[in-house]
Amino acid sequence: YPKEIGALFDAARIPLVAGAPYREGSGEMILGEVAARQLGVEPDQTLSLDGRPVRIAGIFRTGSRLLDGGLMMDVPQAQAVLTQQGAEPQYSLAIIRTTGEASTAQLIEEINQGYPAFKAIPGTEFAGAMQLMHVVDAFVRTLAVIALVGTCLVVMNTLLMAIGERTREIGILMTVGWTPLIVLRMFLAESVALF
């Protein structure tokens, strides 16, 4: 982040669990405690981001599960990782925490005017957007489960009807020497073809 914004956000004040603090321009990153645990990494190890190795200087804990699941690195480096080749650099998100709504609005306006590469929003708005994403994700998963159950019921109903209508055929097949296992295999093959 630019030095002017660095005055607003002091990376040295982020409490570390292990390793060294974040140093601007070092090309390193610090990782949140939740992210480090999920990835199984420690300080002085290297993490590959979009095929680029980045050294982990330290691990921090803010107390917010959302923030502790992330990482901190230089903005140009993060934009290089997050932007596809040939595309415009993406906005960086600055989470602002101030004493009141008026000072937050003023600070956001100053950052957005002074640094068009940034999109500054209040932390509460960011948290709300993340919560909405979780709700949408749960809704999509629920729909997928309902669709899968519905498909299974339709296939099961079709097979039960096929077996009920073909009792004479099954009897003839067993008379000529087919075992119940072979008949079952035949119906399973039909169910796989239907599914």
N, C-alpha and C. Protein backbone atom coordinates (compact mmCIF):
# COMPACT_ATOMS: atom_id res chain seq x y z
N TYR A 1 0.84 -1.18 0.00
CA TYR A 1 0.00 0.00 0.00
C TYR A 1 0.89 1.23 0.00
N PRO A 2 0.41 2.37 -0.54
CA PRO A 2 1.21 3.60 -0.53
C PRO A 2 1.50 4.05 0.89
N LYS A 3 2.58 4.84 1.05
CA LYS A 3 3.00 5.26 2.38
C LYS A 3 1.93 6.09 3.09
N GLU A 4 1.15 6.92 2.32
CA GLU A 4 0.13 7.74 2.94
C GLU A 4 -0.95 6.87 3.58
N ILE A 5 -1.31 5.79 2.90
CA ILE A 5 -2.30 4.89 3.47
C ILE A 5 -1.67 4.07 4.59
N GLY A 6 -0.38 3.82 4.47
CA GLY A 6 0.33 3.12 5.53
C GLY A 6 0.26 3.85 6.85
N ALA A 7 0.14 5.19 6.78
CA ALA A 7 0.00 5.97 8.01
C ALA A 7 -1.33 5.69 8.68
N LEU A 8 -2.34 5.36 7.87
CA LEU A 8 -3.66 5.06 8.42
C LEU A 8 -3.74 3.64 8.95
N PHE A 9 -2.94 2.76 8.38
CA PHE A 9 -3.01 1.34 8.72
C PHE A 9 -1.62 0.89 9.12
N ASP A 10 -1.37 0.73 10.37
CA ASP A 10 -0.05 0.39 10.87
C ASP A 10 0.08 -1.13 10.97
N ALA A 11 0.80 -1.71 10.00
CA ALA A 11 0.95 -3.16 9.97
C ALA A 11 1.74 -3.67 11.17
N ALA A 12 2.56 -2.82 11.75
CA ALA A 12 3.36 -3.25 12.89
C ALA A 12 2.49 -3.51 14.12
N ARG A 13 1.26 -2.99 14.12
CA ARG A 13 0.37 -3.17 15.28
C ARG A 13 -0.40 -4.49 15.21
N ILE A 14 -0.29 -5.23 14.13
CA ILE A 14 -0.99 -6.51 14.02
C ILE A 14 -0.26 -7.53 14.90
N PRO A 15 -0.98 -8.15 15.85
CA PRO A 15 -0.31 -9.09 16.76
C PRO A 15 0.13 -10.36 16.04
N LEU A 16 1.39 -10.71 16.22
CA LEU A 16 1.96 -11.91 15.59
C LEU A 16 1.90 -13.10 16.55
N VAL A 17 1.66 -14.27 15.98
CA VAL A 17 1.70 -15.51 16.74
C VAL A 17 3.09 -16.14 16.60
N ALA A 18 3.67 -15.99 15.39
CA ALA A 18 4.99 -16.57 15.12
C ALA A 18 5.65 -15.80 13.98
N GLY A 19 6.97 -15.86 13.93
CA GLY A 19 7.71 -15.26 12.83
C GLY A 19 7.95 -13.77 12.98
N ALA A 20 8.26 -13.14 11.84
CA ALA A 20 8.62 -11.73 11.81
C ALA A 20 7.44 -10.89 11.31
N PRO A 21 7.42 -9.57 11.66
CA PRO A 21 6.32 -8.72 11.19
C PRO A 21 6.41 -8.43 9.69
N TYR A 22 5.33 -7.90 9.15
CA TYR A 22 5.25 -7.53 7.74
C TYR A 22 6.17 -6.35 7.46
N ARG A 23 6.97 -6.44 6.37
CA ARG A 23 7.84 -5.35 5.96
C ARG A 23 7.46 -4.94 4.54
N GLU A 24 7.09 -3.68 4.38
CA GLU A 24 6.68 -3.18 3.07
C GLU A 24 7.83 -3.29 2.07
N GLY A 25 7.51 -3.79 0.88
CA GLY A 25 8.50 -3.90 -0.19
C GLY A 25 9.40 -5.11 -0.10
N SER A 26 9.18 -6.00 0.86
CA SER A 26 10.06 -7.16 1.04
C SER A 26 9.71 -8.30 0.07
N GLY A 27 8.49 -8.27 -0.48
CA GLY A 27 8.06 -9.38 -1.35
C GLY A 27 7.59 -10.57 -0.55
N GLU A 28 7.56 -10.42 0.77
CA GLU A 28 7.08 -11.49 1.64
C GLU A 28 5.65 -11.21 2.04
N MET A 29 5.05 -12.14 2.76
CA MET A 29 3.70 -11.93 3.27
C MET A 29 3.61 -12.46 4.69
N ILE A 30 2.59 -12.00 5.38
CA ILE A 30 2.24 -12.61 6.65
C ILE A 30 0.86 -13.22 6.46
N LEU A 31 0.65 -14.33 7.12
CA LEU A 31 -0.54 -15.15 6.93
C LEU A 31 -1.36 -15.17 8.21
N GLY A 32 -2.68 -15.15 8.07
CA GLY A 32 -3.55 -15.27 9.23
C GLY A 32 -3.45 -16.65 9.85
N GLU A 33 -3.72 -16.72 11.15
CA GLU A 33 -3.58 -17.98 11.89
C GLU A 33 -4.49 -19.08 11.33
N VAL A 34 -5.73 -18.73 10.97
CA VAL A 34 -6.67 -19.72 10.43
C VAL A 34 -6.17 -20.25 9.09
N ALA A 35 -5.72 -19.34 8.22
CA ALA A 35 -5.21 -19.73 6.90
C ALA A 35 -3.96 -20.61 7.05
N ALA A 36 -3.07 -20.24 7.97
CA ALA A 36 -1.84 -21.02 8.17
C ALA A 36 -2.16 -22.43 8.64
N ARG A 37 -3.15 -22.54 9.54
CA ARG A 37 -3.54 -23.86 10.05
C ARG A 37 -4.14 -24.71 8.93
N GLN A 38 -5.03 -24.09 8.12
CA GLN A 38 -5.67 -24.85 7.05
C GLN A 38 -4.67 -25.28 5.97
N LEU A 39 -3.68 -24.43 5.69
CA LEU A 39 -2.69 -24.76 4.67
C LEU A 39 -1.53 -25.60 5.22
N GLY A 40 -1.41 -25.66 6.54
CA GLY A 40 -0.34 -26.44 7.16
C GLY A 40 1.04 -25.85 6.92
N VAL A 41 1.14 -24.52 7.01
CA VAL A 41 2.42 -23.85 6.78
C VAL A 41 2.85 -23.08 8.03
N GLU A 42 4.16 -22.76 8.08
CA GLU A 42 4.75 -22.04 9.19
C GLU A 42 5.64 -20.94 8.65
N PRO A 43 6.08 -19.99 9.51
CA PRO A 43 7.01 -18.96 9.04
C PRO A 43 8.27 -19.56 8.43
N ASP A 44 8.86 -18.84 7.50
CA ASP A 44 10.07 -19.21 6.75
C ASP A 44 9.81 -20.28 5.70
N GLN A 45 8.56 -20.72 5.56
CA GLN A 45 8.23 -21.62 4.46
C GLN A 45 7.76 -20.79 3.27
N THR A 46 7.65 -21.43 2.12
CA THR A 46 7.23 -20.75 0.90
C THR A 46 5.87 -21.28 0.49
N LEU A 47 4.99 -20.36 0.09
CA LEU A 47 3.65 -20.71 -0.37
C LEU A 47 3.54 -20.30 -1.83
N SER A 48 3.02 -21.17 -2.67
CA SER A 48 2.87 -20.86 -4.08
C SER A 48 1.52 -20.19 -4.33
N LEU A 49 1.54 -18.95 -4.80
CA LEU A 49 0.32 -18.21 -5.14
C LEU A 49 0.31 -18.00 -6.65
N ASP A 50 -0.61 -18.67 -7.33
CA ASP A 50 -0.74 -18.57 -8.78
C ASP A 50 0.58 -18.93 -9.47
N GLY A 51 1.27 -19.94 -8.92
CA GLY A 51 2.52 -20.40 -9.51
C GLY A 51 3.73 -19.57 -9.11
N ARG A 52 3.54 -18.55 -8.27
CA ARG A 52 4.65 -17.70 -7.84
C ARG A 52 4.98 -18.02 -6.38
N PRO A 53 6.21 -18.39 -6.07
CA PRO A 53 6.55 -18.69 -4.67
C PRO A 53 6.68 -17.40 -3.86
N VAL A 54 6.04 -17.37 -2.69
CA VAL A 54 6.11 -16.22 -1.80
C VAL A 54 6.48 -16.73 -0.42
N ARG A 55 7.50 -16.10 0.19
CA ARG A 55 7.97 -16.51 1.51
C ARG A 55 7.02 -15.99 2.58
N ILE A 56 6.72 -16.83 3.56
CA ILE A 56 5.86 -16.45 4.70
C ILE A 56 6.77 -15.92 5.80
N ALA A 57 6.65 -14.62 6.10
CA ALA A 57 7.49 -14.01 7.13
C ALA A 57 6.95 -14.31 8.52
N GLY A 58 5.63 -14.26 8.67
CA GLY A 58 5.05 -14.47 9.99
C GLY A 58 3.59 -14.86 9.92
N ILE A 59 3.04 -15.16 11.08
CA ILE A 59 1.64 -15.55 11.20
C ILE A 59 0.99 -14.62 12.23
N PHE A 60 -0.16 -14.01 11.85
CA PHE A 60 -0.82 -13.05 12.74
C PHE A 60 -2.17 -13.57 13.21
N ARG A 61 -2.64 -12.95 14.31
CA ARG A 61 -3.97 -13.24 14.86
C ARG A 61 -4.62 -11.93 15.24
N THR A 62 -5.78 -11.64 14.61
CA THR A 62 -6.52 -10.42 14.91
C THR A 62 -7.70 -10.69 15.84
N GLY A 63 -8.13 -11.95 15.89
CA GLY A 63 -9.32 -12.29 16.65
C GLY A 63 -10.56 -12.39 15.77
N SER A 64 -10.45 -11.89 14.53
CA SER A 64 -11.54 -12.00 13.57
C SER A 64 -11.27 -13.21 12.67
N ARG A 65 -12.18 -14.16 12.68
CA ARG A 65 -11.99 -15.37 11.87
C ARG A 65 -11.88 -15.02 10.39
N LEU A 66 -12.61 -13.98 9.97
CA LEU A 66 -12.58 -13.54 8.58
C LEU A 66 -11.18 -13.05 8.20
N LEU A 67 -10.61 -12.17 9.01
CA LEU A 67 -9.29 -11.62 8.71
C LEU A 67 -8.18 -12.65 8.94
N ASP A 68 -8.35 -13.50 9.94
CA ASP A 68 -7.32 -14.51 10.22
C ASP A 68 -7.30 -15.61 9.17
N GLY A 69 -8.26 -15.61 8.26
CA GLY A 69 -8.26 -16.55 7.14
C GLY A 69 -7.61 -15.98 5.91
N GLY A 70 -7.00 -14.79 6.03
CA GLY A 70 -6.40 -14.12 4.88
C GLY A 70 -4.90 -13.96 5.02
N LEU A 71 -4.36 -13.09 4.17
CA LEU A 71 -2.93 -12.82 4.19
C LEU A 71 -2.69 -11.35 3.93
N MET A 72 -1.48 -10.88 4.22
CA MET A 72 -1.11 -9.50 3.96
C MET A 72 0.17 -9.49 3.15
N MET A 73 0.12 -8.74 2.04
CA MET A 73 1.29 -8.58 1.18
C MET A 73 1.20 -7.23 0.49
N ASP A 74 2.24 -6.84 -0.26
CA ASP A 74 2.22 -5.57 -0.97
C ASP A 74 1.11 -5.57 -2.02
N VAL A 75 0.48 -4.41 -2.21
CA VAL A 75 -0.63 -4.30 -3.15
C VAL A 75 -0.21 -4.68 -4.57
N PRO A 76 0.91 -4.15 -5.12
CA PRO A 76 1.27 -4.55 -6.49
C PRO A 76 1.48 -6.07 -6.63
N GLN A 77 2.05 -6.68 -5.61
CA GLN A 77 2.27 -8.12 -5.62
C GLN A 77 0.94 -8.87 -5.58
N ALA A 78 0.00 -8.40 -4.75
CA ALA A 78 -1.32 -9.04 -4.67
C ALA A 78 -2.07 -8.87 -5.98
N GLN A 79 -1.97 -7.67 -6.60
CA GLN A 79 -2.64 -7.45 -7.87
C GLN A 79 -2.06 -8.34 -8.96
N ALA A 80 -0.74 -8.55 -8.93
CA ALA A 80 -0.12 -9.42 -9.93
C ALA A 80 -0.61 -10.85 -9.79
N VAL A 81 -0.84 -11.29 -8.55
CA VAL A 81 -1.32 -12.65 -8.31
C VAL A 81 -2.78 -12.77 -8.73
N LEU A 82 -3.60 -11.75 -8.40
CA LEU A 82 -5.04 -11.83 -8.60
C LEU A 82 -5.50 -11.45 -10.00
N THR A 83 -4.65 -10.79 -10.78
CA THR A 83 -5.05 -10.30 -12.09
C THR A 83 -4.57 -11.25 -13.18
N GLN A 84 -5.47 -11.61 -14.09
CA GLN A 84 -5.08 -12.45 -15.22
C GLN A 84 -4.21 -11.64 -16.16
N GLN A 85 -3.34 -12.33 -16.89
CA GLN A 85 -2.43 -11.63 -17.78
C GLN A 85 -3.19 -10.84 -18.82
N GLY A 86 -2.78 -9.59 -19.03
CA GLY A 86 -3.41 -8.74 -20.01
C GLY A 86 -4.64 -8.00 -19.50
N ALA A 87 -5.11 -8.32 -18.29
CA ALA A 87 -6.31 -7.67 -17.75
C ALA A 87 -5.92 -6.44 -16.94
N GLU A 88 -6.88 -5.56 -16.74
CA GLU A 88 -6.67 -4.38 -15.89
C GLU A 88 -6.42 -4.83 -14.46
N PRO A 89 -5.55 -4.15 -13.71
CA PRO A 89 -5.37 -4.53 -12.30
C PRO A 89 -6.68 -4.41 -11.53
N GLN A 90 -6.91 -5.35 -10.64
CA GLN A 90 -8.14 -5.33 -9.86
C GLN A 90 -8.03 -4.32 -8.73
N TYR A 91 -9.19 -3.92 -8.20
CA TYR A 91 -9.19 -3.05 -7.05
C TYR A 91 -8.65 -3.79 -5.85
N SER A 92 -8.02 -3.04 -4.99
CA SER A 92 -7.64 -3.58 -3.69
C SER A 92 -8.68 -3.10 -2.70
N LEU A 93 -8.92 -3.86 -1.70
CA LEU A 93 -9.96 -3.54 -0.73
C LEU A 93 -9.31 -3.05 0.55
N ALA A 94 -9.60 -1.82 0.93
CA ALA A 94 -9.08 -1.28 2.18
C ALA A 94 -10.20 -1.29 3.20
N ILE A 95 -10.03 -2.00 4.28
CA ILE A 95 -11.05 -2.05 5.32
C ILE A 95 -10.73 -0.95 6.32
N ILE A 96 -11.68 -0.05 6.49
CA ILE A 96 -11.43 1.14 7.31
C ILE A 96 -12.13 0.99 8.65
N ARG A 97 -11.40 1.33 9.70
CA ARG A 97 -11.98 1.32 11.04
C ARG A 97 -11.64 2.65 11.70
N THR A 98 -12.64 3.46 11.96
CA THR A 98 -12.42 4.77 12.56
C THR A 98 -13.36 4.95 13.75
N THR A 99 -13.33 6.17 14.31
CA THR A 99 -14.11 6.41 15.53
C THR A 99 -15.60 6.59 15.29
N GLY A 100 -15.99 7.07 14.11
CA GLY A 100 -17.41 7.30 13.85
C GLY A 100 -17.74 7.22 12.38
N GLU A 101 -19.05 7.27 12.07
CA GLU A 101 -19.49 7.14 10.69
C GLU A 101 -19.02 8.31 9.83
N ALA A 102 -19.05 9.52 10.38
CA ALA A 102 -18.63 10.70 9.60
C ALA A 102 -17.15 10.63 9.24
N SER A 103 -16.32 10.26 10.21
CA SER A 103 -14.88 10.16 9.92
C SER A 103 -14.59 9.00 8.96
N THR A 104 -15.37 7.92 9.07
CA THR A 104 -15.21 6.80 8.13
C THR A 104 -15.54 7.26 6.72
N ALA A 105 -16.67 7.95 6.55
CA ALA A 105 -17.08 8.42 5.22
C ALA A 105 -16.04 9.37 4.63
N GLN A 106 -15.51 10.29 5.46
CA GLN A 106 -14.52 11.25 4.98
C GLN A 106 -13.24 10.53 4.57
N LEU A 107 -12.79 9.60 5.37
CA LEU A 107 -11.57 8.86 5.07
C LEU A 107 -11.71 8.03 3.80
N ILE A 108 -12.87 7.38 3.64
CA ILE A 108 -13.13 6.58 2.44
C ILE A 108 -13.12 7.47 1.20
N GLU A 109 -13.74 8.65 1.31
CA GLU A 109 -13.77 9.57 0.17
C GLU A 109 -12.36 10.02 -0.20
N GLU A 110 -11.53 10.34 0.80
CA GLU A 110 -10.15 10.76 0.54
C GLU A 110 -9.35 9.66 -0.16
N ILE A 111 -9.50 8.43 0.33
CA ILE A 111 -8.74 7.32 -0.26
C ILE A 111 -9.21 7.06 -1.69
N ASN A 112 -10.53 7.03 -1.91
CA ASN A 112 -11.05 6.74 -3.24
C ASN A 112 -10.69 7.83 -4.25
N GLN A 113 -10.62 9.10 -3.79
CA GLN A 113 -10.23 10.19 -4.69
C GLN A 113 -8.72 10.19 -4.94
N GLY A 114 -7.96 10.01 -3.89
CA GLY A 114 -6.50 10.09 -4.01
C GLY A 114 -5.86 8.87 -4.64
N TYR A 115 -6.51 7.72 -4.50
CA TYR A 115 -5.93 6.47 -5.00
C TYR A 115 -6.99 5.68 -5.76
N PRO A 116 -7.13 5.95 -7.05
CA PRO A 116 -8.17 5.26 -7.84
C PRO A 116 -7.97 3.74 -7.90
N ALA A 117 -6.75 3.28 -7.62
CA ALA A 117 -6.49 1.83 -7.64
C ALA A 117 -7.10 1.13 -6.44
N PHE A 118 -7.56 1.92 -5.45
CA PHE A 118 -8.15 1.34 -4.25
C PHE A 118 -9.67 1.53 -4.27
N LYS A 119 -10.36 0.60 -3.69
CA LYS A 119 -11.79 0.77 -3.43
C LYS A 119 -11.95 0.60 -1.93
N ALA A 120 -12.11 1.69 -1.24
CA ALA A 120 -12.20 1.66 0.22
C ALA A 120 -13.66 1.56 0.63
N ILE A 121 -13.97 0.64 1.51
CA ILE A 121 -15.33 0.48 2.04
C ILE A 121 -15.23 0.23 3.55
N PRO A 122 -16.31 0.49 4.29
CA PRO A 122 -16.29 0.21 5.73
C PRO A 122 -16.17 -1.29 5.98
N GLY A 123 -15.54 -1.64 7.08
CA GLY A 123 -15.37 -3.05 7.44
C GLY A 123 -16.69 -3.77 7.61
N THR A 124 -17.71 -3.04 8.11
CA THR A 124 -19.03 -3.66 8.31
C THR A 124 -19.64 -4.07 6.98
N GLU A 125 -19.45 -3.24 5.93
CA GLU A 125 -19.97 -3.56 4.60
C GLU A 125 -19.27 -4.79 4.04
N PHE A 126 -17.96 -4.87 4.26
CA PHE A 126 -17.20 -6.03 3.80
C PHE A 126 -17.67 -7.30 4.49
N ALA A 127 -17.85 -7.22 5.81
CA ALA A 127 -18.32 -8.39 6.57
C ALA A 127 -19.71 -8.80 6.11
N GLY A 128 -20.58 -7.82 5.83
CA GLY A 128 -21.93 -8.13 5.35
C GLY A 128 -21.89 -8.81 3.99
N ALA A 129 -21.00 -8.33 3.11
CA ALA A 129 -20.87 -8.94 1.78
C ALA A 129 -20.38 -10.39 1.90
N MET A 130 -19.44 -10.61 2.81
CA MET A 130 -18.94 -11.98 3.01
C MET A 130 -20.03 -12.88 3.57
N GLN A 131 -20.85 -12.35 4.47
CA GLN A 131 -21.94 -13.14 5.05
C GLN A 131 -22.96 -13.48 3.96
N LEU A 132 -23.24 -12.52 3.09
CA LEU A 132 -24.17 -12.77 1.98
C LEU A 132 -23.63 -13.85 1.05
N MET A 133 -22.32 -13.84 0.81
CA MET A 133 -21.70 -14.88 -0.03
C MET A 133 -21.88 -16.26 0.60
N HIS A 134 -21.75 -16.35 1.92
CA HIS A 134 -21.95 -17.62 2.61
C HIS A 134 -23.40 -18.09 2.48
N VAL A 135 -24.35 -17.16 2.58
CA VAL A 135 -25.76 -17.51 2.45
C VAL A 135 -26.05 -18.02 1.03
N VAL A 136 -25.53 -17.32 0.02
CA VAL A 136 -25.74 -17.74 -1.38
C VAL A 136 -25.10 -19.11 -1.61
N ASP A 137 -23.91 -19.31 -1.07
CA ASP A 137 -23.22 -20.60 -1.21
C ASP A 137 -24.05 -21.73 -0.59
N ALA A 138 -24.60 -21.50 0.60
CA ALA A 138 -25.43 -22.52 1.25
C ALA A 138 -26.70 -22.77 0.45
N PHE A 139 -27.30 -21.73 -0.13
CA PHE A 139 -28.51 -21.88 -0.95
C PHE A 139 -28.22 -22.73 -2.20
N VAL A 140 -27.09 -22.46 -2.85
CA VAL A 140 -26.73 -23.22 -4.05
C VAL A 140 -26.47 -24.68 -3.70
N ARG A 141 -25.80 -24.93 -2.60
CA ARG A 141 -25.56 -26.32 -2.18
C ARG A 141 -26.86 -27.04 -1.87
N THR A 142 -27.80 -26.34 -1.21
CA THR A 142 -29.10 -26.94 -0.91
C THR A 142 -29.85 -27.29 -2.18
N LEU A 143 -29.83 -26.39 -3.16
CA LEU A 143 -30.47 -26.68 -4.45
C LEU A 143 -29.84 -27.89 -5.14
N ALA A 144 -28.53 -27.99 -5.06
CA ALA A 144 -27.84 -29.13 -5.68
C ALA A 144 -28.25 -30.44 -5.02
N VAL A 145 -28.36 -30.45 -3.70
CA VAL A 145 -28.77 -31.66 -2.98
C VAL A 145 -30.21 -32.03 -3.34
N ILE A 146 -31.09 -31.03 -3.41
CA ILE A 146 -32.49 -31.29 -3.77
C ILE A 146 -32.57 -31.86 -5.19
N ALA A 147 -31.81 -31.30 -6.12
CA ALA A 147 -31.81 -31.80 -7.49
C ALA A 147 -31.30 -33.24 -7.55
N LEU A 148 -30.25 -33.55 -6.77
CA LEU A 148 -29.71 -34.91 -6.76
C LEU A 148 -30.72 -35.90 -6.18
N VAL A 149 -31.37 -35.54 -5.08
CA VAL A 149 -32.37 -36.42 -4.47
C VAL A 149 -33.54 -36.64 -5.44
N GLY A 150 -34.00 -35.55 -6.09
CA GLY A 150 -35.08 -35.67 -7.06
C GLY A 150 -34.73 -36.59 -8.21
N THR A 151 -33.52 -36.47 -8.73
CA THR A 151 -33.06 -37.34 -9.82
C THR A 151 -33.03 -38.80 -9.38
N CYS A 152 -32.52 -39.04 -8.17
CA CYS A 152 -32.47 -40.42 -7.65
C CYS A 152 -33.87 -41.00 -7.51
N LEU A 153 -34.83 -40.19 -7.04
CA LEU A 153 -36.20 -40.69 -6.90
C LEU A 153 -36.82 -41.03 -8.26
N VAL A 154 -36.57 -40.21 -9.26
CA VAL A 154 -37.11 -40.47 -10.61
C VAL A 154 -36.52 -41.76 -11.17
N VAL A 155 -35.21 -41.94 -11.03
CA VAL A 155 -34.57 -43.17 -11.53
C VAL A 155 -35.09 -44.39 -10.78
N MET A 156 -35.23 -44.27 -9.45
CA MET A 156 -35.72 -45.39 -8.66
C MET A 156 -37.15 -45.75 -9.06
N ASN A 157 -37.99 -44.75 -9.27
CA ASN A 157 -39.36 -45.00 -9.70
C ASN A 157 -39.40 -45.69 -11.07
N THR A 158 -38.56 -45.23 -11.98
CA THR A 158 -38.50 -45.84 -13.32
C THR A 158 -38.08 -47.30 -13.24
N LEU A 159 -37.09 -47.58 -12.40
CA LEU A 159 -36.62 -48.97 -12.26
C LEU A 159 -37.68 -49.86 -11.60
N LEU A 160 -38.34 -49.33 -10.58
CA LEU A 160 -39.39 -50.14 -9.93
C LEU A 160 -40.53 -50.46 -10.91
N MET A 161 -40.87 -49.49 -11.74
CA MET A 161 -41.91 -49.75 -12.75
C MET A 161 -41.41 -50.77 -13.77
N ALA A 162 -40.14 -50.66 -14.18
CA ALA A 162 -39.59 -51.60 -15.16
C ALA A 162 -39.58 -53.03 -14.60
N ILE A 163 -39.21 -53.15 -13.34
CA ILE A 163 -39.18 -54.49 -12.73
C ILE A 163 -40.60 -55.03 -12.57
N GLY A 164 -41.53 -54.17 -12.14
CA GLY A 164 -42.92 -54.61 -11.96
C GLY A 164 -43.57 -55.06 -13.27
N GLU A 165 -43.25 -54.40 -14.36
CA GLU A 165 -43.85 -54.73 -15.65
C GLU A 165 -43.18 -55.91 -16.33
N ARG A 166 -42.01 -56.30 -15.85
CA ARG A 166 -41.25 -57.36 -16.54
C ARG A 166 -41.10 -58.61 -15.70
N THR A 167 -42.08 -58.89 -14.85
CA THR A 167 -41.98 -60.09 -14.01
C THR A 167 -41.99 -61.36 -14.85
N ARG A 168 -42.75 -61.37 -15.93
CA ARG A 168 -42.78 -62.56 -16.81
C ARG A 168 -41.41 -62.76 -17.46
N GLU A 169 -40.81 -61.65 -17.92
CA GLU A 169 -39.49 -61.73 -18.54
C GLU A 169 -38.45 -62.25 -17.56
N ILE A 170 -38.51 -61.75 -16.31
CA ILE A 170 -37.57 -62.20 -15.28
C ILE A 170 -37.76 -63.69 -15.02
N GLY A 171 -39.03 -64.13 -14.95
CA GLY A 171 -39.30 -65.55 -14.73
C GLY A 171 -38.76 -66.42 -15.85
N ILE A 172 -38.91 -65.98 -17.11
CA ILE A 172 -38.39 -66.75 -18.26
C ILE A 172 -36.87 -66.80 -18.20
N LEU A 173 -36.22 -65.67 -17.88
CA LEU A 173 -34.75 -65.64 -17.81
C LEU A 173 -34.24 -66.58 -16.72
N MET A 174 -34.92 -66.63 -15.57
CA MET A 174 -34.48 -67.52 -14.50
C MET A 174 -34.75 -68.98 -14.86
N THR A 175 -35.78 -69.21 -15.68
CA THR A 175 -36.08 -70.58 -16.12
C THR A 175 -34.99 -71.11 -17.03
N VAL A 176 -34.43 -70.24 -17.88
CA VAL A 176 -33.38 -70.69 -18.80
C VAL A 176 -31.99 -70.68 -18.17
N GLY A 177 -31.90 -70.38 -16.88
CA GLY A 177 -30.62 -70.54 -16.22
C GLY A 177 -29.98 -69.28 -15.67
N TRP A 178 -30.61 -68.13 -15.81
CA TRP A 178 -30.04 -66.91 -15.25
C TRP A 178 -30.18 -66.94 -13.74
N THR A 179 -29.14 -66.53 -13.05
CA THR A 179 -29.20 -66.47 -11.58
C THR A 179 -29.75 -65.10 -11.16
N PRO A 180 -30.25 -65.00 -9.93
CA PRO A 180 -30.73 -63.68 -9.47
C PRO A 180 -29.66 -62.59 -9.55
N LEU A 181 -28.37 -62.97 -9.39
CA LEU A 181 -27.29 -62.00 -9.47
C LEU A 181 -27.16 -61.43 -10.89
N ILE A 182 -27.30 -62.29 -11.90
CA ILE A 182 -27.21 -61.82 -13.29
C ILE A 182 -28.39 -60.90 -13.62
N VAL A 183 -29.58 -61.25 -13.15
CA VAL A 183 -30.76 -60.40 -13.38
C VAL A 183 -30.56 -59.04 -12.70
N LEU A 184 -30.04 -59.06 -11.48
CA LEU A 184 -29.78 -57.82 -10.75
C LEU A 184 -28.76 -56.96 -11.49
N ARG A 185 -27.71 -57.61 -12.03
CA ARG A 185 -26.70 -56.87 -12.80
C ARG A 185 -27.32 -56.22 -14.03
N MET A 186 -28.26 -56.90 -14.67
CA MET A 186 -28.92 -56.35 -15.84
C MET A 186 -29.69 -55.08 -15.47
N PHE A 187 -30.42 -55.12 -14.35
CA PHE A 187 -31.19 -53.94 -13.93
C PHE A 187 -30.28 -52.81 -13.45
N LEU A 188 -29.16 -53.17 -12.83
CA LEU A 188 -28.21 -52.13 -12.43
C LEU A 188 -27.60 -51.44 -13.64
N ALA A 189 -27.30 -52.21 -14.69
CA ALA A 189 -26.78 -51.63 -15.93
C ALA A 189 -27.81 -50.68 -16.54
N GLU A 190 -29.08 -51.07 -16.51
CA GLU A 190 -30.13 -50.18 -17.01
C GLU A 190 -30.23 -48.90 -16.19
N SER A 191 -30.08 -49.02 -14.85
CA SER A 191 -30.18 -47.83 -14.00
C SER A 191 -29.02 -46.88 -14.26
N VAL A 192 -27.83 -47.43 -14.50
CA VAL A 192 -26.67 -46.58 -14.81
C VAL A 192 -26.90 -45.86 -16.14
N ALA A 193 -27.48 -46.58 -17.13
CA ALA A 193 -27.75 -45.95 -18.42
C ALA A 193 -28.81 -44.86 -18.27
N LEU A 194 -29.79 -45.04 -17.40
CA LEU A 194 -30.83 -44.03 -17.18
C LEU A 194 -30.28 -42.82 -16.43
N PHE A 195 -29.37 -43.07 -15.49
CA PHE A 195 -28.85 -42.00 -14.66
C PHE A 195 -27.93 -41.12 -15.47
